């Protein structure tokens, strides 16, 4: 099941981030090019980041401590924020 929890941002058919409960990997699926992402803890500190293109991109989050995180995905026109829980 591909469930994406968006706080704000892209349309449902443009970007999906899943799963919301992760151990080692989170996926960004998009039909948009030239996206950048940053993973932040709830204090706002950036703990990971990078760039992605259209299609399915796997992000390794195995090094993160357990807890709630936000992943912000953006391009020149839009920005979306999604939440996930690392266990």
N, C-alpha and C. Protein backbone atom coordinates (compact mmCIF):
# COMPACT_ATOMS: atom_id res chain seq x y z
N UNK A 1 0.85 -1.17 0.00
CA UNK A 1 0.00 0.00 0.00
C UNK A 1 0.90 1.23 0.00
N UNK A 2 0.68 2.11 -0.94
CA UNK A 2 1.45 3.34 -1.05
C UNK A 2 0.65 4.48 -0.43
N UNK A 3 0.91 4.75 0.82
CA UNK A 3 0.20 5.82 1.53
C UNK A 3 1.19 6.95 1.76
N UNK A 4 0.83 8.13 1.34
CA UNK A 4 1.67 9.30 1.49
C UNK A 4 0.96 10.30 2.40
N UNK A 5 1.67 10.80 3.40
CA UNK A 5 1.08 11.75 4.33
C UNK A 5 1.65 13.13 4.04
N UNK A 6 0.92 13.91 3.29
CA UNK A 6 1.36 15.25 2.91
C UNK A 6 0.80 16.28 3.87
N UNK A 7 1.64 17.20 4.29
CA UNK A 7 1.20 18.31 5.11
C UNK A 7 0.75 19.45 4.20
N UNK A 8 1.47 19.66 3.12
CA UNK A 8 1.15 20.70 2.15
C UNK A 8 1.91 20.38 0.87
N UNK A 9 1.52 20.98 -0.25
CA UNK A 9 2.38 20.91 -1.42
C UNK A 9 1.79 20.35 -2.67
N UNK A 10 2.52 19.42 -3.28
CA UNK A 10 2.22 18.88 -4.59
C UNK A 10 0.87 18.17 -4.62
N UNK A 11 0.32 18.04 -5.83
CA UNK A 11 -0.90 17.27 -6.01
C UNK A 11 -0.63 15.79 -5.82
N UNK A 12 -1.67 15.03 -5.54
CA UNK A 12 -1.55 13.61 -5.23
C UNK A 12 -0.92 12.82 -6.37
N UNK A 13 -1.11 13.25 -7.60
CA UNK A 13 -0.56 12.51 -8.73
C UNK A 13 0.83 12.95 -9.13
N UNK A 14 1.39 13.94 -8.44
CA UNK A 14 2.72 14.45 -8.80
C UNK A 14 3.83 13.85 -7.95
N UNK A 15 3.63 13.77 -6.65
CA UNK A 15 4.66 13.26 -5.74
C UNK A 15 4.01 12.40 -4.68
N UNK A 16 4.60 11.23 -4.42
CA UNK A 16 4.17 10.37 -3.32
C UNK A 16 5.42 10.01 -2.51
N UNK A 17 5.29 10.03 -1.20
CA UNK A 17 6.36 9.65 -0.29
C UNK A 17 5.82 8.55 0.60
N UNK A 18 6.49 7.40 0.63
CA UNK A 18 6.01 6.26 1.40
C UNK A 18 7.16 5.33 1.74
N UNK A 19 7.01 4.45 2.73
CA UNK A 19 5.89 4.36 3.67
C UNK A 19 6.00 5.44 4.73
N UNK A 20 4.99 5.55 5.56
CA UNK A 20 5.03 6.55 6.62
C UNK A 20 5.69 6.01 7.89
N UNK A 21 5.81 4.71 8.00
CA UNK A 21 6.49 4.05 9.12
C UNK A 21 7.66 3.27 8.51
N UNK A 22 8.90 3.71 8.77
CA UNK A 22 10.06 3.16 8.07
C UNK A 22 11.10 2.60 9.04
N UNK A 23 11.90 1.66 8.52
CA UNK A 23 13.05 1.14 9.22
C UNK A 23 14.35 1.61 8.58
N UNK A 24 14.47 1.38 7.27
CA UNK A 24 15.73 1.68 6.59
C UNK A 24 15.58 2.52 5.33
N UNK A 25 14.41 2.50 4.68
CA UNK A 25 14.25 3.17 3.40
C UNK A 25 12.92 3.90 3.32
N UNK A 26 12.96 5.04 2.64
CA UNK A 26 11.73 5.75 2.29
C UNK A 26 11.80 6.00 0.79
N UNK A 27 10.66 6.02 0.13
CA UNK A 27 10.61 6.15 -1.31
C UNK A 27 9.93 7.45 -1.72
N UNK A 28 10.49 8.09 -2.72
CA UNK A 28 9.87 9.24 -3.37
C UNK A 28 9.51 8.80 -4.77
N UNK A 29 8.24 8.87 -5.10
CA UNK A 29 7.78 8.53 -6.44
C UNK A 29 7.19 9.78 -7.07
N UNK A 30 7.66 10.12 -8.27
CA UNK A 30 7.23 11.37 -8.88
C UNK A 30 7.27 11.29 -10.40
N UNK A 31 6.42 12.08 -11.03
CA UNK A 31 6.49 12.24 -12.48
C UNK A 31 7.12 13.59 -12.84
N UNK A 32 7.76 14.23 -11.87
CA UNK A 32 8.41 15.53 -12.07
C UNK A 32 9.92 15.37 -12.08
N UNK A 33 10.60 16.21 -12.85
CA UNK A 33 12.06 16.20 -12.91
C UNK A 33 12.63 17.26 -11.97
N UNK A 34 13.92 17.10 -11.68
CA UNK A 34 14.69 18.10 -10.94
C UNK A 34 14.08 18.47 -9.60
N UNK A 35 13.81 17.46 -8.79
CA UNK A 35 13.33 17.70 -7.43
C UNK A 35 14.50 17.65 -6.46
N UNK A 36 14.44 18.44 -5.42
CA UNK A 36 15.40 18.33 -4.34
C UNK A 36 14.63 17.97 -3.07
N UNK A 37 15.32 17.32 -2.14
CA UNK A 37 14.67 16.94 -0.88
C UNK A 37 15.62 17.20 0.27
N UNK A 38 15.01 17.46 1.42
CA UNK A 38 15.77 17.51 2.66
C UNK A 38 14.94 16.87 3.76
N UNK A 39 15.61 16.07 4.57
CA UNK A 39 14.98 15.40 5.69
C UNK A 39 15.34 16.19 6.94
N UNK A 40 14.32 16.53 7.74
CA UNK A 40 14.53 17.34 8.94
C UNK A 40 13.94 16.63 10.16
N UNK A 41 14.59 16.80 11.30
CA UNK A 41 13.97 16.33 12.53
C UNK A 41 12.96 17.38 12.97
N UNK A 42 12.23 17.13 14.03
CA UNK A 42 11.19 18.06 14.45
C UNK A 42 11.72 19.35 15.05
N UNK A 43 13.03 19.40 15.30
CA UNK A 43 13.65 20.64 15.74
C UNK A 43 14.02 21.53 14.55
N UNK A 44 13.87 20.99 13.33
CA UNK A 44 14.17 21.75 12.13
C UNK A 44 15.57 21.54 11.59
N UNK A 45 16.37 20.71 12.26
CA UNK A 45 17.73 20.44 11.78
C UNK A 45 17.68 19.52 10.57
N UNK A 46 18.43 19.88 9.53
CA UNK A 46 18.50 19.05 8.32
C UNK A 46 19.46 17.90 8.60
N UNK A 47 18.95 16.65 8.45
CA UNK A 47 19.75 15.47 8.74
C UNK A 47 20.11 14.69 7.49
N UNK A 48 19.51 15.01 6.35
CA UNK A 48 19.83 14.37 5.07
C UNK A 48 19.26 15.22 3.96
N UNK A 49 19.76 15.03 2.75
CA UNK A 49 19.24 15.78 1.62
C UNK A 49 19.85 15.30 0.33
N UNK A 50 19.27 15.77 -0.78
CA UNK A 50 19.79 15.38 -2.08
C UNK A 50 18.85 15.80 -3.19
N UNK A 51 19.07 15.23 -4.37
CA UNK A 51 18.26 15.52 -5.55
C UNK A 51 17.70 14.23 -6.11
N UNK A 52 16.59 14.35 -6.81
CA UNK A 52 15.96 13.19 -7.43
C UNK A 52 15.35 13.60 -8.76
N UNK A 53 15.13 12.62 -9.62
CA UNK A 53 14.48 12.86 -10.90
C UNK A 53 13.16 12.10 -10.92
N UNK A 54 12.49 12.12 -12.04
CA UNK A 54 11.19 11.42 -12.11
C UNK A 54 11.39 9.92 -11.95
N UNK A 55 10.33 9.26 -11.56
CA UNK A 55 10.38 7.83 -11.31
C UNK A 55 10.39 7.54 -9.83
N UNK A 56 10.97 6.41 -9.47
CA UNK A 56 11.01 5.97 -8.08
C UNK A 56 12.42 6.12 -7.54
N UNK A 57 12.56 6.83 -6.44
CA UNK A 57 13.85 7.08 -5.80
C UNK A 57 13.82 6.53 -4.38
N UNK A 58 14.82 5.73 -4.01
CA UNK A 58 14.92 5.19 -2.66
C UNK A 58 15.89 6.05 -1.87
N UNK A 59 15.48 6.45 -0.66
CA UNK A 59 16.32 7.23 0.24
C UNK A 59 16.66 6.36 1.45
N UNK A 60 17.95 6.19 1.72
CA UNK A 60 18.39 5.40 2.87
C UNK A 60 18.29 6.25 4.13
N UNK A 61 17.46 5.82 5.07
CA UNK A 61 17.31 6.53 6.34
C UNK A 61 17.73 5.66 7.52
N UNK A 62 18.49 4.61 7.23
CA UNK A 62 18.89 3.67 8.27
C UNK A 62 19.74 4.32 9.36
N UNK A 63 20.48 5.39 9.02
CA UNK A 63 21.36 6.05 10.00
C UNK A 63 20.61 6.99 10.94
N UNK A 64 19.35 7.28 10.65
CA UNK A 64 18.58 8.19 11.50
C UNK A 64 18.17 7.52 12.80
N UNK A 65 18.10 8.32 13.85
CA UNK A 65 17.59 7.81 15.13
C UNK A 65 16.08 7.64 15.03
N UNK A 66 15.52 6.83 15.91
CA UNK A 66 14.07 6.63 15.92
C UNK A 66 13.37 7.95 16.23
N UNK A 67 12.22 8.16 15.60
CA UNK A 67 11.45 9.36 15.87
C UNK A 67 10.71 9.85 14.64
N UNK A 68 10.05 10.99 14.78
CA UNK A 68 9.28 11.60 13.71
C UNK A 68 10.18 12.54 12.91
N UNK A 69 10.01 12.53 11.58
CA UNK A 69 10.78 13.38 10.69
C UNK A 69 9.87 14.01 9.65
N UNK A 70 10.34 15.08 9.06
CA UNK A 70 9.68 15.72 7.93
C UNK A 70 10.62 15.63 6.73
N UNK A 71 10.06 15.39 5.56
CA UNK A 71 10.84 15.43 4.34
C UNK A 71 10.21 16.49 3.44
N UNK A 72 11.02 17.48 3.09
CA UNK A 72 10.55 18.57 2.24
C UNK A 72 11.08 18.33 0.83
N UNK A 73 10.16 18.32 -0.13
CA UNK A 73 10.50 18.09 -1.53
C UNK A 73 10.12 19.34 -2.30
N UNK A 74 11.01 19.81 -3.16
CA UNK A 74 10.72 21.05 -3.87
C UNK A 74 11.31 21.04 -5.28
N UNK A 75 10.72 21.88 -6.12
CA UNK A 75 11.28 22.24 -7.41
C UNK A 75 11.07 23.73 -7.58
N UNK A 76 11.25 24.25 -8.78
CA UNK A 76 11.13 25.70 -8.97
C UNK A 76 9.72 26.22 -8.74
N UNK A 77 8.70 25.37 -8.96
CA UNK A 77 7.31 25.83 -8.86
C UNK A 77 6.61 25.47 -7.54
N UNK A 78 6.99 24.36 -6.93
CA UNK A 78 6.24 23.85 -5.79
C UNK A 78 7.17 23.38 -4.68
N UNK A 79 6.56 23.26 -3.51
CA UNK A 79 7.25 22.67 -2.36
C UNK A 79 6.22 21.87 -1.58
N UNK A 80 6.59 20.67 -1.17
CA UNK A 80 5.70 19.84 -0.37
C UNK A 80 6.42 19.29 0.84
N UNK A 81 5.71 19.15 1.93
CA UNK A 81 6.28 18.61 3.16
C UNK A 81 5.50 17.36 3.56
N UNK A 82 6.21 16.31 3.85
CA UNK A 82 5.62 15.02 4.20
C UNK A 82 6.22 14.55 5.51
N UNK A 83 5.47 13.79 6.27
CA UNK A 83 6.00 13.31 7.55
C UNK A 83 6.13 11.80 7.52
N UNK A 84 7.12 11.29 8.27
CA UNK A 84 7.29 9.85 8.43
C UNK A 84 7.89 9.56 9.80
N UNK A 85 7.69 8.34 10.24
CA UNK A 85 8.20 7.89 11.54
C UNK A 85 9.29 6.84 11.30
N UNK A 86 10.46 7.08 11.86
CA UNK A 86 11.56 6.11 11.80
C UNK A 86 11.48 5.26 13.05
N UNK A 87 11.48 3.93 12.86
CA UNK A 87 11.44 3.04 14.02
C UNK A 87 12.67 2.18 14.08
